[in-house]
Amino acid sequence: MPRDDHEPLSDERRELDEHVTTSRRCVGERITDLCGALEVSRERLAESTGIG
C-alpha cells in the first residue's frame, strides 16, 4: 500500500530504511568488486591460453 510522503516516518521505520539503504549499497559495491575480479581473471586466462 503506498504511503503518504507527507506522513512522518516512525523512528523504527527510519532505522529500517537506513539499514536497507546501507545494505543495498554494500551489496552493490560487492557485486562491482566481484565483476572486476571476474574481468581480471578472464583477461589472465585469455593471456595464458592465447584464447580471447
PDB file of N, CA and C in Angstrom:
ATOM      1  N   MET A   1       0.852  -1.180   0.000  1.00  0.00           N
ATOM      2  CA  MET A   1       0.000   0.000   0.000  1.00  0.00           C
ATOM      3  C   MET A   1       0.892   1.235   0.000  1.00  0.00           C
ATOM      4  N   PRO A   2       0.696   2.174  -0.933  1.00  0.00           N
ATOM      5  CA  PRO A   2       1.534   3.374  -0.982  1.00  0.00           C
ATOM      6  C   PRO A   2       1.372   4.205   0.287  1.00  0.00           C
ATOM      7  N   ARG A   3       2.478   4.793   0.674  1.00  0.00           N
ATOM      8  CA  ARG A   3       2.492   5.611   1.878  1.00  0.00           C
ATOM      9  C   ARG A   3       2.405   7.075   1.463  1.00  0.00           C
ATOM     10  N   ASP A   4       1.680   7.853   2.237  1.00  0.00           N
ATOM     11  CA  ASP A   4       1.613   9.295   2.001  1.00  0.00           C
ATOM     12  C   ASP A   4       2.976   9.880   2.359  1.00  0.00           C
ATOM     13  N   ASP A   5       3.672  10.487   1.382  1.00  0.00           N
ATOM     14  CA  ASP A   5       5.008  11.013   1.630  1.00  0.00           C
ATOM     15  C   ASP A   5       5.032  12.146   2.645  1.00  0.00           C
ATOM     16  N   HIS A   6       3.884  12.680   2.960  1.00  0.00           N
ATOM     17  CA  HIS A   6       3.830  13.764   3.944  1.00  0.00           C
ATOM     18  C   HIS A   6       3.679  13.225   5.359  1.00  0.00           C
ATOM     19  N   GLU A   7       3.411  11.941   5.450  1.00  0.00           N
ATOM     20  CA  GLU A   7       3.270  11.300   6.747  1.00  0.00           C
ATOM     21  C   GLU A   7       4.664  11.046   7.331  1.00  0.00           C
ATOM     22  N   PRO A   8       4.921  11.503   8.564  1.00  0.00           N
ATOM     23  CA  PRO A   8       6.259  11.300   9.133  1.00  0.00           C
ATOM     24  C   PRO A   8       6.530   9.812   9.391  1.00  0.00           C
ATOM     25  N   LEU A   9       7.779   9.431   9.215  1.00  0.00           N
ATOM     26  CA  LEU A   9       8.169   8.049   9.460  1.00  0.00           C
ATOM     27  C   LEU A   9       8.415   7.836  10.947  1.00  0.00           C
ATOM     28  N   SER A  10       8.080   6.656  11.418  1.00  0.00           N
ATOM     29  CA  SER A  10       8.403   6.320  12.796  1.00  0.00           C
ATOM     30  C   SER A  10       9.913   6.121  12.893  1.00  0.00           C
ATOM     31  N   ASP A  11      10.443   6.215  14.093  1.00  0.00           N
ATOM     32  CA  ASP A  11      11.878   6.008  14.285  1.00  0.00           C
ATOM     33  C   ASP A  11      12.292   4.614  13.842  1.00  0.00           C
ATOM     34  N   GLU A  12      11.452   3.629  14.138  1.00  0.00           N
ATOM     35  CA  GLU A  12      11.753   2.255  13.748  1.00  0.00           C
ATOM     36  C   GLU A  12      11.799   2.122  12.226  1.00  0.00           C
ATOM     37  N   ARG A  13      10.855   2.722  11.552  1.00  0.00           N
ATOM     38  CA  ARG A  13      10.815   2.666  10.086  1.00  0.00           C
ATOM     39  C   ARG A  13      12.006   3.405   9.488  1.00  0.00           C
ATOM     40  N   ARG A  14      12.368   4.527  10.069  1.00  0.00           N
ATOM     41  CA  ARG A  14      13.509   5.304   9.579  1.00  0.00           C
ATOM     42  C   ARG A  14      14.792   4.475   9.717  1.00  0.00           C
ATOM     43  N   GLU A  15      14.971   3.813  10.865  1.00  0.00           N
ATOM     44  CA  GLU A  15      16.144   2.971  11.069  1.00  0.00           C
ATOM     45  C   GLU A  15      16.170   1.814  10.073  1.00  0.00           C
ATOM     46  N   LEU A  16      15.015   1.211   9.830  1.00  0.00           N
ATOM     47  CA  LEU A  16      14.921   0.121   8.865  1.00  0.00           C
ATOM     48  C   LEU A  16      15.268   0.617   7.461  1.00  0.00           C
ATOM     49  N   ASP A  17      14.743   1.757   7.070  1.00  0.00           N
ATOM     50  CA  ASP A  17      15.048   2.335   5.754  1.00  0.00           C
ATOM     51  C   ASP A  17      16.544   2.603   5.603  1.00  0.00           C
ATOM     52  N   GLU A  18      17.169   3.131   6.657  1.00  0.00           N
ATOM     53  CA  GLU A  18      18.605   3.401   6.618  1.00  0.00           C
ATOM     54  C   GLU A  18      19.390   2.103   6.492  1.00  0.00           C
ATOM     55  N   HIS A  19      18.959   1.072   7.219  1.00  0.00           N
ATOM     56  CA  HIS A  19      19.630  -0.223   7.164  1.00  0.00           C
ATOM     57  C   HIS A  19      19.523  -0.820   5.757  1.00  0.00           C
ATOM     58  N   VAL A  20      18.339  -0.756   5.172  1.00  0.00           N
ATOM     59  CA  VAL A  20      18.129  -1.299   3.831  1.00  0.00           C
ATOM     60  C   VAL A  20      18.993  -0.538   2.819  1.00  0.00           C
ATOM     61  N   THR A  21      19.026   0.772   2.923  1.00  0.00           N
ATOM     62  CA  THR A  21      19.834   1.584   2.012  1.00  0.00           C
ATOM     63  C   THR A  21      21.310   1.218   2.128  1.00  0.00           C
ATOM     64  N   THR A  22      21.799   1.086   3.355  1.00  0.00           N
ATOM     65  CA  THR A  22      23.195   0.718   3.587  1.00  0.00           C
ATOM     66  C   THR A  22      23.477  -0.679   3.050  1.00  0.00           C
ATOM     67  N   SER A  23      22.568  -1.603   3.289  1.00  0.00           N
ATOM     68  CA  SER A  23      22.749  -2.979   2.811  1.00  0.00           C
ATOM     69  C   SER A  23      22.795  -3.019   1.292  1.00  0.00           C
ATOM     70  N   ARG A  24      21.910  -2.281   0.646  1.00  0.00           N
ATOM     71  CA  ARG A  24      21.896  -2.245  -0.820  1.00  0.00           C
ATOM     72  C   ARG A  24      23.198  -1.674  -1.357  1.00  0.00           C
ATOM     73  N   ARG A  25      23.707  -0.638  -0.712  1.00  0.00           N
ATOM     74  CA  ARG A  25      24.963  -0.026  -1.145  1.00  0.00           C
ATOM     75  C   ARG A  25      26.101  -1.039  -1.008  1.00  0.00           C
ATOM     76  N   CYS A  26      26.154  -1.756   0.117  1.00  0.00           N
ATOM     77  CA  CYS A  26      27.200  -2.754   0.343  1.00  0.00           C
ATOM     78  C   CYS A  26      27.117  -3.879  -0.687  1.00  0.00           C
ATOM     79  N   VAL A  27      25.915  -4.341  -0.972  1.00  0.00           N
ATOM     80  CA  VAL A  27      25.731  -5.401  -1.965  1.00  0.00           C
ATOM     81  C   VAL A  27      26.177  -4.906  -3.338  1.00  0.00           C
ATOM     82  N   GLY A  28      25.804  -3.691  -3.683  1.00  0.00           N
ATOM     83  CA  GLY A  28      26.213  -3.119  -4.968  1.00  0.00           C
ATOM     84  C   GLY A  28      27.719  -3.010  -5.091  1.00  0.00           C
ATOM     85  N   GLU A  29      28.378  -2.576  -4.008  1.00  0.00           N
ATOM     86  CA  GLU A  29      29.830  -2.467  -4.024  1.00  0.00           C
ATOM     87  C   GLU A  29      30.470  -3.845  -4.161  1.00  0.00           C
ATOM     88  N   ARG A  30      29.911  -4.835  -3.482  1.00  0.00           N
ATOM     89  CA  ARG A  30      30.456  -6.194  -3.552  1.00  0.00           C
ATOM     90  C   ARG A  30      30.299  -6.770  -4.958  1.00  0.00           C
ATOM     91  N   ILE A  31      29.152  -6.536  -5.575  1.00  0.00           N
ATOM     92  CA  ILE A  31      28.928  -7.008  -6.949  1.00  0.00           C
ATOM     93  C   ILE A  31      29.937  -6.351  -7.892  1.00  0.00           C
ATOM     94  N   THR A  32      30.164  -5.067  -7.723  1.00  0.00           N
ATOM     95  CA  THR A  32      31.145  -4.354  -8.543  1.00  0.00           C
ATOM     96  C   THR A  32      32.535  -4.956  -8.363  1.00  0.00           C
ATOM     97  N   ASP A  33      32.907  -5.242  -7.111  1.00  0.00           N
ATOM     98  CA  ASP A  33      34.208  -5.857  -6.832  1.00  0.00           C
ATOM     99  C   ASP A  33      34.325  -7.221  -7.499  1.00  0.00           C
ATOM    100  N   LEU A  34      33.284  -8.028  -7.387  1.00  0.00           N
ATOM    101  CA  LEU A  34      33.307  -9.366  -7.982  1.00  0.00           C
ATOM    102  C   LEU A  34      33.376  -9.307  -9.506  1.00  0.00           C
ATOM    103  N   CYS A  35      32.655  -8.374 -10.094  1.00  0.00           N
ATOM    104  CA  CYS A  35      32.703  -8.228 -11.561  1.00  0.00           C
ATOM    105  C   CYS A  35      34.097  -7.815 -12.010  1.00  0.00           C
ATOM    106  N   GLY A  36      34.731  -6.943 -11.261  1.00  0.00           N
ATOM    107  CA  GLY A  36      36.097  -6.529 -11.582  1.00  0.00           C
ATOM    108  C   GLY A  36      37.061  -7.694 -11.484  1.00  0.00           C
ATOM    109  N   ALA A  37      36.924  -8.497 -10.431  1.00  0.00           N
ATOM    110  CA  ALA A  37      37.789  -9.665 -10.260  1.00  0.00           C
ATOM    111  C   ALA A  37      37.553 -10.676 -11.379  1.00  0.00           C
ATOM    112  N   LEU A  38      36.320 -10.855 -11.768  1.00  0.00           N
ATOM    113  CA  LEU A  38      36.000 -11.777 -12.851  1.00  0.00           C
ATOM    114  C   LEU A  38      36.623 -11.311 -14.161  1.00  0.00           C
ATOM    115  N   GLU A  39      36.573 -10.034 -14.426  1.00  0.00           N
ATOM    116  CA  GLU A  39      37.163  -9.490 -15.649  1.00  0.00           C
ATOM    117  C   GLU A  39      38.675  -9.703 -15.650  1.00  0.00           C
ATOM    118  N   VAL A  40      39.335  -9.465 -14.521  1.00  0.00           N
ATOM    119  CA  VAL A  40      40.777  -9.682 -14.429  1.00  0.00           C
ATOM    120  C   VAL A  40      41.097 -11.157 -14.655  1.00  0.00           C
ATOM    121  N   SER A  41      40.309 -12.041 -14.045  1.00  0.00           N
ATOM    122  CA  SER A  41      40.529 -13.483 -14.221  1.00  0.00           C
ATOM    123  C   SER A  41      40.350 -13.884 -15.683  1.00  0.00           C
ATOM    124  N   ARG A  42      39.340 -13.336 -16.324  1.00  0.00           N
ATOM    125  CA  ARG A  42      39.091 -13.645 -17.734  1.00  0.00           C
ATOM    126  C   ARG A  42      40.270 -13.189 -18.590  1.00  0.00           C
ATOM    127  N   GLU A  43      40.772 -11.992 -18.309  1.00  0.00           N
ATOM    128  CA  GLU A  43      41.909 -11.471 -19.072  1.00  0.00           C
ATOM    129  C   GLU A  43      43.151 -12.330 -18.869  1.00  0.00           C
ATOM    130  N   ARG A  44      43.402 -12.736 -17.622  1.00  0.00           N
ATOM    131  CA  ARG A  44      44.574 -13.586 -17.337  1.00  0.00           C
ATOM    132  C   ARG A  44      44.445 -14.946 -18.023  1.00  0.00           C
ATOM    133  N   LEU A  45      43.243 -15.517 -18.020  1.00  0.00           N
ATOM    134  CA  LEU A  45      43.016 -16.794 -18.674  1.00  0.00           C
ATOM    135  C   LEU A  45      43.251 -16.661 -20.178  1.00  0.00           C
ATOM    136  N   ALA A  46      42.736 -15.569 -20.756  1.00  0.00           N
ATOM    137  CA  ALA A  46      42.917 -15.349 -22.191  1.00  0.00           C
ATOM    138  C   ALA A  46      44.404 -15.203 -22.528  1.00  0.00           C
ATOM    139  N   GLU A  47      45.141 -14.498 -21.689  1.00  0.00           N
ATOM    140  CA  GLU A  47      46.575 -14.315 -21.926  1.00  0.00           C
ATOM    141  C   GLU A  47      47.325 -15.644 -21.798  1.00  0.00           C
ATOM    142  N   SER A  48      46.983 -16.431 -20.818  1.00  0.00           N
ATOM    143  CA  SER A  48      47.726 -17.672 -20.566  1.00  0.00           C
ATOM    144  C   SER A  48      47.414 -18.753 -21.587  1.00  0.00           C
ATOM    145  N   THR A  49      46.210 -18.723 -22.155  1.00  0.00           N
ATOM    146  CA  THR A  49      45.828 -19.757 -23.108  1.00  0.00           C
ATOM    147  C   THR A  49      45.927 -19.291 -24.554  1.00  0.00           C
ATOM    148  N   GLY A  50      46.079 -17.998 -24.736  1.00  0.00           N
ATOM    149  CA  GLY A  50      46.111 -17.453 -26.086  1.00  0.00           C
ATOM    150  C   GLY A  50      44.738 -17.392 -26.733  1.00  0.00           C
ATOM    151  N   ILE A  51      43.697 -17.593 -25.922  1.00  0.00           N
ATOM    152  CA  ILE A  51      42.309 -17.541 -26.422  1.00  0.00           C
ATOM    153  C   ILE A  51      41.699 -16.224 -25.968  1.00  0.00           C
ATOM    154  N   GLY A  52      40.978 -15.582 -26.843  1.00  0.00           N
ATOM    155  CA  GLY A  52      40.259 -14.389 -26.432  1.00  0.00           C
ATOM    156  C   GLY A  52      40.790 -13.199 -27.075  1.00  0.00           C
TER     157      GLY A  52
END
